Amino acid sequence: MSEAIDSNRRGFLTRLSKPVSELSGETEATPRTAARPPQAVDEALFVRLCDGCGKCARACPNSIVHIRENLARIDMDYNECTLCQECTKACPTGALNLSVKAHIDLTPSFSQSCNNYLQLSCNLCQSSCTLGAIYIEEDELPKIDTDRCNGCGQCQSSCYVNAISMVAS
């Protein structure tokens, strides 16, 4: 349950050195309310830290970071994320942090207009995925290994029939 708090000076300083997650016992992240740039801190902290300055959006070479409702968001309708970290480097508030694993909370979703599903041989999405997160079986919709997928959208950009959309994961 809760550990006894040592009120002496050494006990207090020792307790301060432990990570917050260790102290509270909580390890679950706050659910995202929108797709955030790759190295966004936990959603609850992100909402507090992001001031909507737009420096991350201006730094993005692929123009996928946008400011909406005074917060940074990702829109990969027309481009992919190369995980270049330029948005993170430009962030003055720490809402995007280099210590956070680069990941976008989006997953590819395949529509029935997928050539492979329509019995036309195609594996462009699979070959474009540098992480090997897409598996294709003949005449089936591609499958995603969610543990490997980082949500970058390279598969979506490679699909010339627009059968892939990026959805919240």
N, C-alpha and C. Protein backbone atom coordinates (compact mmCIF):
# COMPACT_ATOMS: atom_id res chain seq x y z
N MET A 1 0.86 -1.18 0.00
CA MET A 1 0.00 0.00 0.00
C MET A 1 0.89 1.23 0.00
N SER A 2 1.04 1.94 1.10
CA SER A 2 1.93 3.10 1.12
C SER A 2 3.07 2.82 2.09
N GLU A 3 4.25 3.27 1.71
CA GLU A 3 5.40 3.05 2.57
C GLU A 3 5.45 4.14 3.64
N ALA A 4 6.03 3.81 4.76
CA ALA A 4 6.16 4.79 5.83
C ALA A 4 7.15 5.87 5.40
N ILE A 5 6.80 7.10 5.66
CA ILE A 5 7.66 8.21 5.27
C ILE A 5 8.64 8.50 6.39
N ASP A 6 9.91 8.45 6.04
CA ASP A 6 10.98 8.76 6.98
C ASP A 6 11.11 10.28 7.01
N SER A 7 10.82 10.88 8.14
CA SER A 7 10.79 12.33 8.20
C SER A 7 12.15 12.96 8.49
N ASN A 8 13.19 12.16 8.68
CA ASN A 8 14.49 12.79 8.88
C ASN A 8 15.03 13.30 7.54
N ARG A 9 16.04 14.05 7.57
CA ARG A 9 16.57 14.72 6.39
C ARG A 9 17.02 13.72 5.32
N ARG A 10 17.74 12.68 5.70
CA ARG A 10 18.24 11.70 4.75
C ARG A 10 17.06 10.97 4.09
N GLY A 11 16.06 10.61 4.86
CA GLY A 11 14.89 9.93 4.33
C GLY A 11 14.15 10.80 3.33
N PHE A 12 14.06 12.08 3.64
CA PHE A 12 13.37 13.02 2.75
C PHE A 12 14.13 13.14 1.42
N LEU A 13 15.44 13.30 1.49
CA LEU A 13 16.23 13.45 0.27
C LEU A 13 16.25 12.16 -0.55
N THR A 14 16.28 11.01 0.13
CA THR A 14 16.24 9.74 -0.58
C THR A 14 14.93 9.58 -1.33
N ARG A 15 13.84 9.97 -0.70
CA ARG A 15 12.53 9.87 -1.33
C ARG A 15 12.44 10.78 -2.56
N LEU A 16 13.06 11.96 -2.50
CA LEU A 16 13.06 12.88 -3.63
C LEU A 16 13.82 12.33 -4.82
N SER A 17 14.80 11.47 -4.59
CA SER A 17 15.61 10.94 -5.68
C SER A 17 14.91 9.83 -6.46
N LYS A 18 13.82 9.28 -5.94
CA LYS A 18 13.10 8.21 -6.64
C LYS A 18 12.20 8.79 -7.72
N PRO A 19 12.06 8.08 -8.85
CA PRO A 19 11.13 8.54 -9.89
C PRO A 19 9.70 8.58 -9.37
N VAL A 20 8.91 9.49 -9.89
CA VAL A 20 7.53 9.66 -9.45
C VAL A 20 6.75 8.36 -9.63
N SER A 21 6.97 7.65 -10.74
CA SER A 21 6.22 6.42 -10.98
C SER A 21 6.52 5.38 -9.91
N GLU A 22 7.75 5.35 -9.38
CA GLU A 22 8.12 4.41 -8.33
C GLU A 22 7.40 4.75 -7.03
N LEU A 23 7.22 6.03 -6.77
CA LEU A 23 6.60 6.46 -5.53
C LEU A 23 5.09 6.24 -5.55
N SER A 24 4.48 6.52 -6.67
CA SER A 24 3.02 6.44 -6.73
C SER A 24 2.52 5.06 -7.11
N GLY A 25 3.40 4.24 -7.70
CA GLY A 25 2.99 2.92 -8.14
C GLY A 25 2.25 2.95 -9.47
N GLU A 26 2.06 4.12 -10.07
CA GLU A 26 1.36 4.25 -11.33
C GLU A 26 2.35 4.17 -12.48
N THR A 27 2.03 3.37 -13.47
CA THR A 27 2.88 3.27 -14.64
C THR A 27 2.13 3.55 -15.93
N GLU A 28 0.83 3.72 -15.87
CA GLU A 28 0.05 3.96 -17.08
C GLU A 28 0.12 5.41 -17.51
N ALA A 29 0.24 5.59 -18.81
CA ALA A 29 0.28 6.93 -19.38
C ALA A 29 -1.13 7.48 -19.53
N THR A 30 -1.22 8.80 -19.51
CA THR A 30 -2.50 9.47 -19.75
C THR A 30 -2.84 9.31 -21.22
N PRO A 31 -4.08 8.90 -21.55
CA PRO A 31 -4.45 8.73 -22.95
C PRO A 31 -4.32 10.04 -23.72
N ARG A 32 -3.86 9.96 -24.96
CA ARG A 32 -3.72 11.13 -25.82
C ARG A 32 -5.08 11.62 -26.27
N THR A 33 -5.23 12.93 -26.35
CA THR A 33 -6.47 13.51 -26.87
C THR A 33 -6.33 13.81 -28.36
N ALA A 34 -5.08 13.79 -28.87
CA ALA A 34 -4.79 14.02 -30.29
C ALA A 34 -3.42 13.43 -30.58
N ALA A 35 -3.11 13.23 -31.85
CA ALA A 35 -1.79 12.75 -32.23
C ALA A 35 -0.77 13.85 -31.95
N ARG A 36 0.24 13.53 -31.20
CA ARG A 36 1.26 14.51 -30.82
C ARG A 36 2.57 14.25 -31.56
N PRO A 37 3.46 15.24 -31.61
CA PRO A 37 4.78 15.02 -32.21
C PRO A 37 5.51 13.86 -31.53
N PRO A 38 6.49 13.28 -32.22
CA PRO A 38 7.12 12.03 -31.79
C PRO A 38 7.63 11.94 -30.36
N GLN A 39 8.23 12.94 -29.83
CA GLN A 39 8.82 12.83 -28.50
C GLN A 39 8.05 13.66 -27.47
N ALA A 40 6.74 13.61 -27.57
CA ALA A 40 5.88 14.33 -26.63
C ALA A 40 5.87 13.61 -25.29
N VAL A 41 5.93 14.37 -24.22
CA VAL A 41 5.85 13.81 -22.87
C VAL A 41 4.42 13.32 -22.64
N ASP A 42 4.17 12.70 -21.50
CA ASP A 42 2.84 12.20 -21.16
C ASP A 42 1.80 13.30 -21.40
N GLU A 43 0.62 12.90 -21.87
CA GLU A 43 -0.41 13.86 -22.29
C GLU A 43 -0.76 14.90 -21.22
N ALA A 44 -0.91 14.46 -19.97
CA ALA A 44 -1.27 15.41 -18.91
C ALA A 44 -0.19 16.49 -18.76
N LEU A 45 1.06 16.09 -18.82
CA LEU A 45 2.17 17.04 -18.72
C LEU A 45 2.29 17.85 -20.00
N PHE A 46 2.08 17.22 -21.14
CA PHE A 46 2.17 17.90 -22.42
C PHE A 46 1.19 19.08 -22.49
N VAL A 47 -0.04 18.85 -22.06
CA VAL A 47 -1.06 19.90 -22.09
C VAL A 47 -0.65 21.08 -21.21
N ARG A 48 0.04 20.80 -20.13
CA ARG A 48 0.51 21.88 -19.25
C ARG A 48 1.72 22.62 -19.81
N LEU A 49 2.63 21.87 -20.47
CA LEU A 49 3.87 22.48 -20.93
C LEU A 49 3.77 23.16 -22.29
N CYS A 50 3.02 22.58 -23.22
CA CYS A 50 2.94 23.14 -24.57
C CYS A 50 2.17 24.47 -24.52
N ASP A 51 2.83 25.52 -24.98
CA ASP A 51 2.19 26.84 -24.96
C ASP A 51 1.72 27.28 -26.34
N GLY A 52 1.83 26.39 -27.32
CA GLY A 52 1.35 26.72 -28.66
C GLY A 52 2.20 27.74 -29.39
N CYS A 53 3.48 27.84 -29.05
CA CYS A 53 4.35 28.85 -29.65
C CYS A 53 4.59 28.62 -31.14
N GLY A 54 4.49 27.38 -31.61
CA GLY A 54 4.65 27.08 -33.03
C GLY A 54 6.07 26.84 -33.49
N LYS A 55 7.04 26.88 -32.59
CA LYS A 55 8.43 26.66 -32.99
C LYS A 55 8.63 25.24 -33.54
N CYS A 56 7.93 24.27 -32.96
CA CYS A 56 8.04 22.89 -33.44
C CYS A 56 7.48 22.78 -34.86
N ALA A 57 6.37 23.46 -35.12
CA ALA A 57 5.74 23.43 -36.45
C ALA A 57 6.66 24.06 -37.49
N ARG A 58 7.29 25.16 -37.15
CA ARG A 58 8.19 25.83 -38.09
C ARG A 58 9.45 25.00 -38.34
N ALA A 59 9.87 24.21 -37.34
CA ALA A 59 11.09 23.41 -37.48
C ALA A 59 10.87 22.11 -38.25
N CYS A 60 9.64 21.66 -38.37
CA CYS A 60 9.35 20.38 -39.03
C CYS A 60 9.60 20.46 -40.53
N PRO A 61 10.57 19.69 -41.04
CA PRO A 61 10.87 19.75 -42.47
C PRO A 61 9.78 19.13 -43.35
N ASN A 62 8.91 18.30 -42.78
CA ASN A 62 7.85 17.65 -43.55
C ASN A 62 6.49 18.34 -43.39
N SER A 63 6.45 19.41 -42.61
CA SER A 63 5.23 20.19 -42.39
C SER A 63 4.06 19.35 -41.89
N ILE A 64 4.33 18.46 -40.95
CA ILE A 64 3.25 17.64 -40.39
C ILE A 64 2.86 18.07 -38.98
N VAL A 65 3.65 18.95 -38.37
CA VAL A 65 3.32 19.45 -37.03
C VAL A 65 2.54 20.75 -37.20
N HIS A 66 1.39 20.81 -36.54
CA HIS A 66 0.51 21.98 -36.62
C HIS A 66 0.08 22.37 -35.21
N ILE A 67 -0.29 23.61 -35.05
CA ILE A 67 -0.82 24.08 -33.77
C ILE A 67 -2.34 24.17 -33.90
N ARG A 68 -3.04 23.41 -33.09
CA ARG A 68 -4.50 23.43 -33.06
C ARG A 68 -4.93 23.54 -31.60
N GLU A 69 -5.86 24.42 -31.33
CA GLU A 69 -6.34 24.64 -29.97
C GLU A 69 -5.16 24.93 -29.02
N ASN A 70 -4.19 25.67 -29.54
CA ASN A 70 -3.02 26.11 -28.78
C ASN A 70 -2.10 24.97 -28.34
N LEU A 71 -2.17 23.81 -29.01
CA LEU A 71 -1.31 22.67 -28.71
C LEU A 71 -0.76 22.07 -30.00
N ALA A 72 0.45 21.52 -29.94
CA ALA A 72 1.06 20.88 -31.11
C ALA A 72 0.37 19.55 -31.40
N ARG A 73 0.11 19.33 -32.69
CA ARG A 73 -0.50 18.09 -33.17
C ARG A 73 0.22 17.63 -34.42
N ILE A 74 0.01 16.37 -34.75
CA ILE A 74 0.56 15.79 -35.97
C ILE A 74 -0.59 15.57 -36.95
N ASP A 75 -0.36 15.93 -38.21
CA ASP A 75 -1.33 15.65 -39.28
C ASP A 75 -0.54 15.01 -40.42
N MET A 76 -0.73 13.71 -40.59
CA MET A 76 0.02 12.99 -41.62
C MET A 76 -0.84 12.65 -42.83
N ASP A 77 -1.81 13.48 -43.13
CA ASP A 77 -2.64 13.24 -44.30
C ASP A 77 -1.86 13.35 -45.60
N TYR A 78 -0.83 14.19 -45.63
CA TYR A 78 -0.11 14.44 -46.88
C TYR A 78 1.38 14.13 -46.81
N ASN A 79 1.87 13.71 -45.67
CA ASN A 79 3.30 13.43 -45.55
C ASN A 79 3.53 12.48 -44.39
N GLU A 80 4.74 12.06 -44.22
CA GLU A 80 5.13 11.13 -43.16
C GLU A 80 6.09 11.82 -42.20
N CYS A 81 6.35 11.17 -41.08
CA CYS A 81 7.32 11.68 -40.10
C CYS A 81 8.62 10.90 -40.25
N THR A 82 9.72 11.60 -40.39
CA THR A 82 11.02 10.94 -40.52
C THR A 82 11.70 10.77 -39.17
N LEU A 83 11.05 11.20 -38.10
CA LEU A 83 11.60 11.12 -36.75
C LEU A 83 12.96 11.81 -36.66
N CYS A 84 13.07 12.96 -37.32
CA CYS A 84 14.32 13.71 -37.40
C CYS A 84 14.67 14.46 -36.11
N GLN A 85 13.71 14.62 -35.22
CA GLN A 85 13.86 15.30 -33.93
C GLN A 85 13.99 16.82 -34.02
N GLU A 86 13.76 17.40 -35.19
CA GLU A 86 13.86 18.85 -35.33
C GLU A 86 12.80 19.56 -34.48
N CYS A 87 11.60 19.00 -34.42
CA CYS A 87 10.55 19.61 -33.60
C CYS A 87 10.93 19.57 -32.13
N THR A 88 11.52 18.45 -31.71
CA THR A 88 11.94 18.30 -30.32
C THR A 88 13.04 19.29 -29.97
N LYS A 89 14.00 19.44 -30.86
CA LYS A 89 15.11 20.37 -30.62
C LYS A 89 14.62 21.82 -30.55
N ALA A 90 13.55 22.13 -31.27
CA ALA A 90 13.03 23.50 -31.30
C ALA A 90 12.13 23.83 -30.12
N CYS A 91 11.65 22.82 -29.39
CA CYS A 91 10.68 23.04 -28.32
C CYS A 91 11.35 23.69 -27.10
N PRO A 92 10.95 24.92 -26.74
CA PRO A 92 11.57 25.61 -25.61
C PRO A 92 10.97 25.23 -24.25
N THR A 93 9.83 24.55 -24.24
CA THR A 93 9.14 24.30 -22.97
C THR A 93 9.36 22.92 -22.37
N GLY A 94 9.91 21.98 -23.15
CA GLY A 94 10.09 20.62 -22.67
C GLY A 94 8.90 19.73 -22.92
N ALA A 95 7.88 20.22 -23.62
CA ALA A 95 6.72 19.39 -23.97
C ALA A 95 7.14 18.28 -24.92
N LEU A 96 8.17 18.57 -25.72
CA LEU A 96 8.82 17.56 -26.56
C LEU A 96 10.21 17.39 -25.97
N ASN A 97 10.56 16.15 -25.64
CA ASN A 97 11.78 15.93 -24.89
C ASN A 97 12.60 14.79 -25.49
N LEU A 98 13.90 15.01 -25.65
CA LEU A 98 14.78 14.00 -26.24
C LEU A 98 14.86 12.72 -25.41
N SER A 99 14.50 12.77 -24.14
CA SER A 99 14.56 11.57 -23.30
C SER A 99 13.37 10.64 -23.52
N VAL A 100 12.35 11.10 -24.26
CA VAL A 100 11.17 10.29 -24.55
C VAL A 100 11.41 9.53 -25.85
N LYS A 101 11.06 8.25 -25.85
CA LYS A 101 11.21 7.42 -27.05
C LYS A 101 10.39 8.01 -28.18
N ALA A 102 10.99 8.12 -29.36
CA ALA A 102 10.30 8.67 -30.52
C ALA A 102 9.19 7.72 -30.97
N HIS A 103 7.95 8.15 -30.79
CA HIS A 103 6.79 7.33 -31.14
C HIS A 103 5.60 8.25 -31.35
N ILE A 104 4.80 7.93 -32.35
CA ILE A 104 3.58 8.68 -32.61
C ILE A 104 2.42 7.74 -32.32
N ASP A 105 1.45 8.20 -31.58
CA ASP A 105 0.33 7.35 -31.17
C ASP A 105 -0.69 7.16 -32.30
N LEU A 106 -0.19 6.75 -33.45
CA LEU A 106 -1.04 6.45 -34.59
C LEU A 106 -0.64 5.08 -35.13
N THR A 107 -1.61 4.39 -35.69
CA THR A 107 -1.37 3.07 -36.26
C THR A 107 -2.03 3.03 -37.64
N PRO A 108 -1.39 2.38 -38.61
CA PRO A 108 -2.02 2.29 -39.92
C PRO A 108 -3.28 1.41 -39.88
N SER A 109 -4.28 1.85 -40.61
CA SER A 109 -5.51 1.09 -40.78
C SER A 109 -5.70 0.88 -42.28
N PHE A 110 -5.95 -0.34 -42.68
CA PHE A 110 -6.03 -0.68 -44.10
C PHE A 110 -7.48 -0.83 -44.53
N SER A 111 -7.83 -0.17 -45.63
CA SER A 111 -9.20 -0.27 -46.15
C SER A 111 -9.30 -1.43 -47.13
N GLN A 112 -10.50 -1.76 -47.52
CA GLN A 112 -10.71 -2.87 -48.44
C GLN A 112 -10.32 -2.53 -49.88
N SER A 113 -9.87 -1.31 -50.11
CA SER A 113 -9.35 -0.96 -51.43
C SER A 113 -7.87 -1.31 -51.58
N CYS A 114 -7.32 -1.97 -50.57
CA CYS A 114 -5.92 -2.42 -50.60
C CYS A 114 -5.74 -3.42 -51.75
N ASN A 115 -4.73 -3.17 -52.58
CA ASN A 115 -4.49 -4.04 -53.73
C ASN A 115 -4.29 -5.50 -53.33
N ASN A 116 -3.58 -5.75 -52.26
CA ASN A 116 -3.36 -7.13 -51.84
C ASN A 116 -4.68 -7.80 -51.48
N TYR A 117 -5.56 -7.07 -50.82
CA TYR A 117 -6.87 -7.61 -50.46
C TYR A 117 -7.71 -7.89 -51.70
N LEU A 118 -7.49 -7.08 -52.75
CA LEU A 118 -8.23 -7.25 -54.00
C LEU A 118 -7.55 -8.26 -54.94
N GLN A 119 -6.64 -9.03 -54.40
CA GLN A 119 -5.92 -10.09 -55.10
C GLN A 119 -4.99 -9.56 -56.20
N LEU A 120 -4.50 -8.36 -55.99
CA LEU A 120 -3.48 -7.78 -56.85
C LEU A 120 -2.19 -7.75 -56.04
N SER A 121 -1.18 -8.34 -56.53
CA SER A 121 0.06 -8.45 -55.76
C SER A 121 0.65 -7.07 -55.48
N CYS A 122 0.77 -6.76 -54.20
CA CYS A 122 1.34 -5.47 -53.79
C CYS A 122 1.93 -5.62 -52.39
N ASN A 123 3.11 -5.10 -52.20
CA ASN A 123 3.72 -5.10 -50.87
C ASN A 123 4.49 -3.80 -50.61
N LEU A 124 4.04 -2.71 -51.22
CA LEU A 124 4.73 -1.43 -51.06
C LEU A 124 4.76 -0.97 -49.61
N CYS A 125 3.65 -1.13 -48.90
CA CYS A 125 3.62 -0.70 -47.50
C CYS A 125 4.61 -1.52 -46.67
N GLN A 126 4.68 -2.80 -46.92
CA GLN A 126 5.59 -3.67 -46.18
C GLN A 126 7.05 -3.31 -46.48
N SER A 127 7.37 -3.08 -47.74
CA SER A 127 8.75 -2.75 -48.09
C SER A 127 9.16 -1.35 -47.64
N SER A 128 8.19 -0.45 -47.47
CA SER A 128 8.52 0.91 -47.02
C SER A 128 8.71 0.99 -45.51
N CYS A 129 8.23 -0.01 -44.78
CA CYS A 129 8.33 0.01 -43.31
C CYS A 129 9.73 -0.42 -42.88
N THR A 130 10.50 0.54 -42.41
CA THR A 130 11.89 0.27 -42.02
C THR A 130 11.99 -0.56 -40.74
N LEU A 131 10.90 -0.66 -40.00
CA LEU A 131 10.89 -1.42 -38.75
C LEU A 131 10.36 -2.84 -38.91
N GLY A 132 9.90 -3.18 -40.10
CA GLY A 132 9.36 -4.52 -40.33
C GLY A 132 8.10 -4.79 -39.53
N ALA A 133 7.25 -3.79 -39.39
CA ALA A 133 6.05 -3.92 -38.57
C ALA A 133 4.83 -4.38 -39.36
N ILE A 134 4.96 -4.51 -40.68
CA ILE A 134 3.82 -4.89 -41.52
C ILE A 134 4.04 -6.29 -42.09
N TYR A 135 3.03 -7.12 -41.94
CA TYR A 135 3.05 -8.49 -42.47
C TYR A 135 1.94 -8.64 -43.49
N ILE A 136 2.28 -9.25 -44.62
CA ILE A 136 1.29 -9.42 -45.68
C ILE A 136 1.11 -10.91 -45.97
N GLU A 137 -0.14 -11.33 -45.94
CA GLU A 137 -0.52 -12.66 -46.37
C GLU A 137 -1.32 -12.50 -47.65
N GLU A 138 -1.15 -13.42 -48.57
CA GLU A 138 -1.80 -13.34 -49.87
C GLU A 138 -3.31 -13.17 -49.73
N ASP A 139 -3.85 -12.22 -50.47
CA ASP A 139 -5.29 -11.93 -50.54
C ASP A 139 -5.91 -11.49 -49.22
N GLU A 140 -5.13 -10.98 -48.30
CA GLU A 140 -5.62 -10.51 -47.00
C GLU A 140 -5.19 -9.06 -46.81
N LEU A 141 -5.86 -8.37 -45.90
CA LEU A 141 -5.40 -7.04 -45.52
C LEU A 141 -4.10 -7.18 -44.74
N PRO A 142 -3.15 -6.28 -44.93
CA PRO A 142 -1.91 -6.34 -44.16
C PRO A 142 -2.17 -6.27 -42.66
N LYS A 143 -1.29 -6.87 -41.90
CA LYS A 143 -1.40 -6.88 -40.44
C LYS A 143 -0.22 -6.10 -39.85
N ILE A 144 -0.48 -5.48 -38.70
CA ILE A 144 0.51 -4.63 -38.04
C ILE A 144 0.99 -5.27 -36.76
N ASP A 145 2.31 -5.26 -36.55
CA ASP A 145 2.89 -5.62 -35.26
C ASP A 145 2.98 -4.31 -34.48
N THR A 146 2.02 -4.09 -33.60
CA THR A 146 1.94 -2.81 -32.88
C THR A 146 3.13 -2.58 -31.96
N ASP A 147 3.83 -3.62 -31.56
CA ASP A 147 5.02 -3.44 -30.73
C ASP A 147 6.16 -2.84 -31.53
N ARG A 148 6.20 -3.11 -32.82
CA ARG A 148 7.26 -2.58 -33.68
C ARG A 148 6.91 -1.23 -34.30
N CYS A 149 5.63 -1.01 -34.61
CA CYS A 149 5.20 0.19 -35.32
C CYS A 149 5.40 1.44 -34.46
N ASN A 150 6.03 2.47 -35.05
CA ASN A 150 6.23 3.73 -34.33
C ASN A 150 5.29 4.83 -34.81
N GLY A 151 4.39 4.50 -35.73
CA GLY A 151 3.40 5.47 -36.19
C GLY A 151 3.91 6.53 -37.13
N CYS A 152 5.02 6.28 -37.81
CA CYS A 152 5.67 7.31 -38.65
C CYS A 152 4.89 7.65 -39.92
N GLY A 153 4.09 6.72 -40.43
CA GLY A 153 3.29 6.99 -41.62
C GLY A 153 3.99 6.72 -42.94
N GLN A 154 5.17 6.11 -42.92
CA GLN A 154 5.85 5.80 -44.18
C GLN A 154 5.01 4.87 -45.05
N CYS A 155 4.32 3.94 -44.43
CA CYS A 155 3.46 3.01 -45.17
C CYS A 155 2.35 3.77 -45.89
N GLN A 156 1.76 4.73 -45.21
CA GLN A 156 0.67 5.52 -45.80
C GLN A 156 1.18 6.29 -47.01
N SER A 157 2.36 6.88 -46.90
CA SER A 157 2.93 7.64 -48.02
C SER A 157 3.24 6.75 -49.21
N SER A 158 3.56 5.50 -48.96
CA SER A 158 3.94 4.59 -50.06
C SER A 158 2.74 4.03 -50.80
N CYS A 159 1.56 4.11 -50.23
CA CYS A 159 0.37 3.48 -50.82
C CYS A 159 -0.25 4.40 -51.88
N TYR A 160 -0.11 4.01 -53.15
CA TYR A 160 -0.60 4.86 -54.23
C TYR A 160 -2.10 4.76 -54.45
N VAL A 161 -2.78 3.81 -53.79
CA VAL A 161 -4.24 3.71 -53.91
C VAL A 161 -4.95 4.29 -52.69
N ASN A 162 -4.20 4.91 -51.79
CA ASN A 162 -4.74 5.54 -50.57
C ASN A 162 -5.58 4.58 -49.73
N ALA A 163 -5.09 3.35 -49.58
CA ALA A 163 -5.80 2.34 -48.80
C ALA A 163 -5.40 2.36 -47.34
N ILE A 164 -4.49 3.27 -46.96
CA ILE A 164 -4.00 3.31 -45.58
C ILE A 164 -4.32 4.66 -44.97
N SER A 165 -4.89 4.62 -43.78
CA SER A 165 -5.09 5.84 -43.01
C SER A 165 -4.47 5.63 -41.64
N MET A 166 -3.99 6.69 -41.06
CA MET A 166 -3.37 6.62 -39.74
C MET A 166 -4.43 6.97 -38.70
N VAL A 167 -4.67 6.03 -37.76
CA VAL A 167 -5.70 6.22 -36.74
C VAL A 167 -5.09 6.16 -35.36
N ALA A 168 -5.76 6.76 -34.40
CA ALA A 168 -5.29 6.75 -33.01
C ALA A 168 -5.17 5.33 -32.51
N SER A 169 -4.05 5.05 -31.84
CA SER A 169 -3.84 3.69 -31.35
C SER A 169 -4.16 3.57 -29.87
